[in-house]
C-alpha atoms as a PDB file:
ATOM      1  CA  MET A   1      48.714  -1.954 -39.196  1.00  0.00           C
ATOM      2  CA  ILE A   2      49.555   1.664 -38.434  1.00  0.00           C
ATOM      3  CA  THR A   3      50.285   2.025 -34.754  1.00  0.00           C
ATOM      4  CA  ASP A   4      51.263   5.753 -34.677  1.00  0.00           C
ATOM      5  CA  ALA A   5      48.725   8.148 -36.216  1.00  0.00           C
ATOM      6  CA  ARG A   6      51.485  10.839 -36.589  1.00  0.00           C
ATOM      7  CA  VAL A   7      52.760   9.104 -39.656  1.00  0.00           C
ATOM      8  CA  LEU A   8      49.599  10.094 -41.497  1.00  0.00           C
ATOM      9  CA  GLN A   9      50.229  13.836 -40.936  1.00  0.00           C
ATOM     10  CA  PRO A  10      51.709  15.704 -44.025  1.00  0.00           C
ATOM     11  CA  GLU A  11      54.418  17.283 -41.919  1.00  0.00           C
ATOM     12  CA  PHE A  12      55.711  13.946 -40.533  1.00  0.00           C
ATOM     13  CA  ILE A  13      59.264  13.109 -41.698  1.00  0.00           C
ATOM     14  CA  PRO A  14      60.510   9.726 -40.530  1.00  0.00           C
ATOM     15  CA  ARG A  15      64.152   9.423 -39.388  1.00  0.00           C
ATOM     16  CA  GLU A  16      64.770   6.652 -41.867  1.00  0.00           C
ATOM     17  CA  VAL A  17      63.125   4.790 -44.742  1.00  0.00           C
ATOM     18  CA  GLN A  18      63.109   1.024 -44.972  1.00  0.00           C
ATOM     19  CA  HIS A  19      63.691  -0.811 -48.271  1.00  0.00           C
ATOM     20  CA  ARG A  20      64.909   2.252 -50.183  1.00  0.00           C
ATOM     21  CA  ASP A  21      68.621   2.173 -49.536  1.00  0.00           C
ATOM     22  CA  ALA A  22      69.669   2.493 -53.144  1.00  0.00           C
ATOM     23  CA  GLU A  23      67.400   5.491 -53.793  1.00  0.00           C
ATOM     24  CA  VAL A  24      68.478   7.231 -50.534  1.00  0.00           C
ATOM     25  CA  ASN A  25      72.189   6.664 -51.376  1.00  0.00           C
ATOM     26  CA  TYR A  26      71.729   7.877 -54.910  1.00  0.00           C
ATOM     27  CA  LEU A  27      70.063  11.130 -53.706  1.00  0.00           C
ATOM     28  CA  SER A  28      72.788  11.542 -51.029  1.00  0.00           C
ATOM     29  CA  ASN A  29      75.510  11.262 -53.615  1.00  0.00           C
ATOM     30  CA  VAL A  30      73.753  13.828 -55.983  1.00  0.00           C
ATOM     31  CA  LEU A  31      73.357  16.320 -53.043  1.00  0.00           C
ATOM     32  CA  ASN A  32      76.882  15.811 -51.682  1.00  0.00           C
ATOM     33  CA  PRO A  33      78.472  18.748 -53.603  1.00  0.00           C
ATOM     34  CA  ILE A  34      76.127  21.196 -51.843  1.00  0.00           C
ATOM     35  CA  THR A  35      77.769  20.341 -48.484  1.00  0.00           C
ATOM     36  CA  ASN A  36      81.111  21.618 -49.973  1.00  0.00           C
ATOM     37  CA  GLY A  37      79.691  24.825 -51.417  1.00  0.00           C
ATOM     38  CA  GLY A  38      79.203  23.310 -54.910  1.00  0.00           C
ATOM     39  CA  ARG A  39      76.206  22.764 -57.079  1.00  0.00           C
ATOM     40  CA  ALA A  40      74.270  19.500 -57.129  1.00  0.00           C
ATOM     41  CA  ASP A  41      73.430  17.622 -60.279  1.00  0.00           C
ATOM     42  CA  PRO A  42      69.747  17.539 -61.127  1.00  0.00           C
ATOM     43  CA  ALA A  43      67.930  14.607 -59.726  1.00  0.00           C
ATOM     44  CA  LEU A  44      64.506  13.266 -60.661  1.00  0.00           C
ATOM     45  CA  LEU A  45      62.648  11.035 -58.332  1.00  0.00           C
ATOM     46  CA  HIS A  46      59.904   9.085 -60.188  1.00  0.00           C
ATOM     47  CA  GLY A  47      57.564   6.227 -59.554  1.00  0.00           C
ATOM     48  CA  PRO A  48      53.997   5.397 -58.726  1.00  0.00           C
ATOM     49  CA  SER A  49      52.091   7.113 -55.902  1.00  0.00           C
ATOM     50  CA  GLY A  50      52.940   6.033 -52.440  1.00  0.00           C
ATOM     51  CA  VAL A  51      56.373   4.573 -52.985  1.00  0.00           C
ATOM     52  CA  GLY A  52      58.210   7.193 -50.912  1.00  0.00           C
ATOM     53  CA  LYS A  53      59.509   9.822 -53.361  1.00  0.00           C
ATOM     54  CA  THR A  54      58.581  12.822 -51.196  1.00  0.00           C
ATOM     55  CA  CYS A  55      59.571  11.027 -48.043  1.00  0.00           C
ATOM     56  CA  ILE A  56      63.088  10.197 -49.392  1.00  0.00           C
ATOM     57  CA  ALA A  57      63.614  13.855 -50.618  1.00  0.00           C
ATOM     58  CA  GLN A  58      62.446  15.200 -47.219  1.00  0.00           C
ATOM     59  CA  ILE A  59      64.646  12.869 -45.227  1.00  0.00           C
ATOM     60  CA  ARG A  60      67.784  13.583 -47.260  1.00  0.00           C
ATOM     61  CA  ALA A  61      67.174  17.310 -47.119  1.00  0.00           C
ATOM     62  CA  LEU A  62      66.556  17.176 -43.310  1.00  0.00           C
ATOM     63  CA  HIS A  63      69.804  15.148 -42.788  1.00  0.00           C
ATOM     64  CA  CYS A  64      71.740  17.602 -44.973  1.00  0.00           C
ATOM     65  CA  TRP A  65      70.436  20.639 -42.935  1.00  0.00           C
ATOM     66  CA  GLU A  66      71.204  18.931 -39.640  1.00  0.00           C
ATOM     67  CA  ALA A  67      74.761  17.958 -40.695  1.00  0.00           C
ATOM     68  CA  HIS A  68      75.534  21.168 -42.657  1.00  0.00           C
ATOM     69  CA  PRO A  69      73.514  24.101 -41.101  1.00  0.00           C
ATOM     70  CA  TRP A  70      75.031  26.587 -43.569  1.00  0.00           C
ATOM     71  CA  VAL A  71      73.085  24.927 -46.416  1.00  0.00           C
ATOM     72  CA  PRO A  72      69.908  27.096 -46.830  1.00  0.00           C
ATOM     73  CA  ASN A  73      66.643  25.326 -46.236  1.00  0.00           C
ATOM     74  CA  PRO A  74      63.453  26.226 -48.216  1.00  0.00           C
ATOM     75  CA  GLU A  75      62.159  28.690 -45.679  1.00  0.00           C
ATOM     76  CA  GLN A  76      65.479  30.641 -45.673  1.00  0.00           C
ATOM     77  CA  VAL A  77      65.378  30.649 -49.468  1.00  0.00           C
ATOM     78  CA  ARG A  78      61.720  31.923 -49.500  1.00  0.00           C
ATOM     79  CA  LEU A  79      62.630  34.702 -47.033  1.00  0.00           C
ATOM     80  CA  ARG A  80      65.592  35.799 -49.161  1.00  0.00           C
ATOM     81  CA  GLN A  81      63.406  35.912 -52.284  1.00  0.00           C
ATOM     82  CA  SER A  82      60.725  37.930 -50.459  1.00  0.00           C
ATOM     83  CA  ALA A  83      63.276  40.344 -49.183  1.00  0.00           C
ATOM     84  CA  ALA A  84      64.750  40.864 -52.680  1.00  0.00           C
ATOM     85  CA  GLU A  85      61.324  41.722 -54.105  1.00  0.00           C
END
């Protein structure tokens, strides 16, 4: 039973995901070079609808931006692209 309606909002990002440790760790390892100024290897999250692909990507990105504020977030990238046009 859902006890908190906020989880149904598209902008809701949980602080952690349960039962997806292997997937979260894999994505963390792929993204780790970014934190040192490098380039990340490509990563593809696949699976049926509703298994948490978007949620895992959002959580890892959020944790990356919190721990490493110099890594650009999507809004910063969009602003830079708009300014360059």
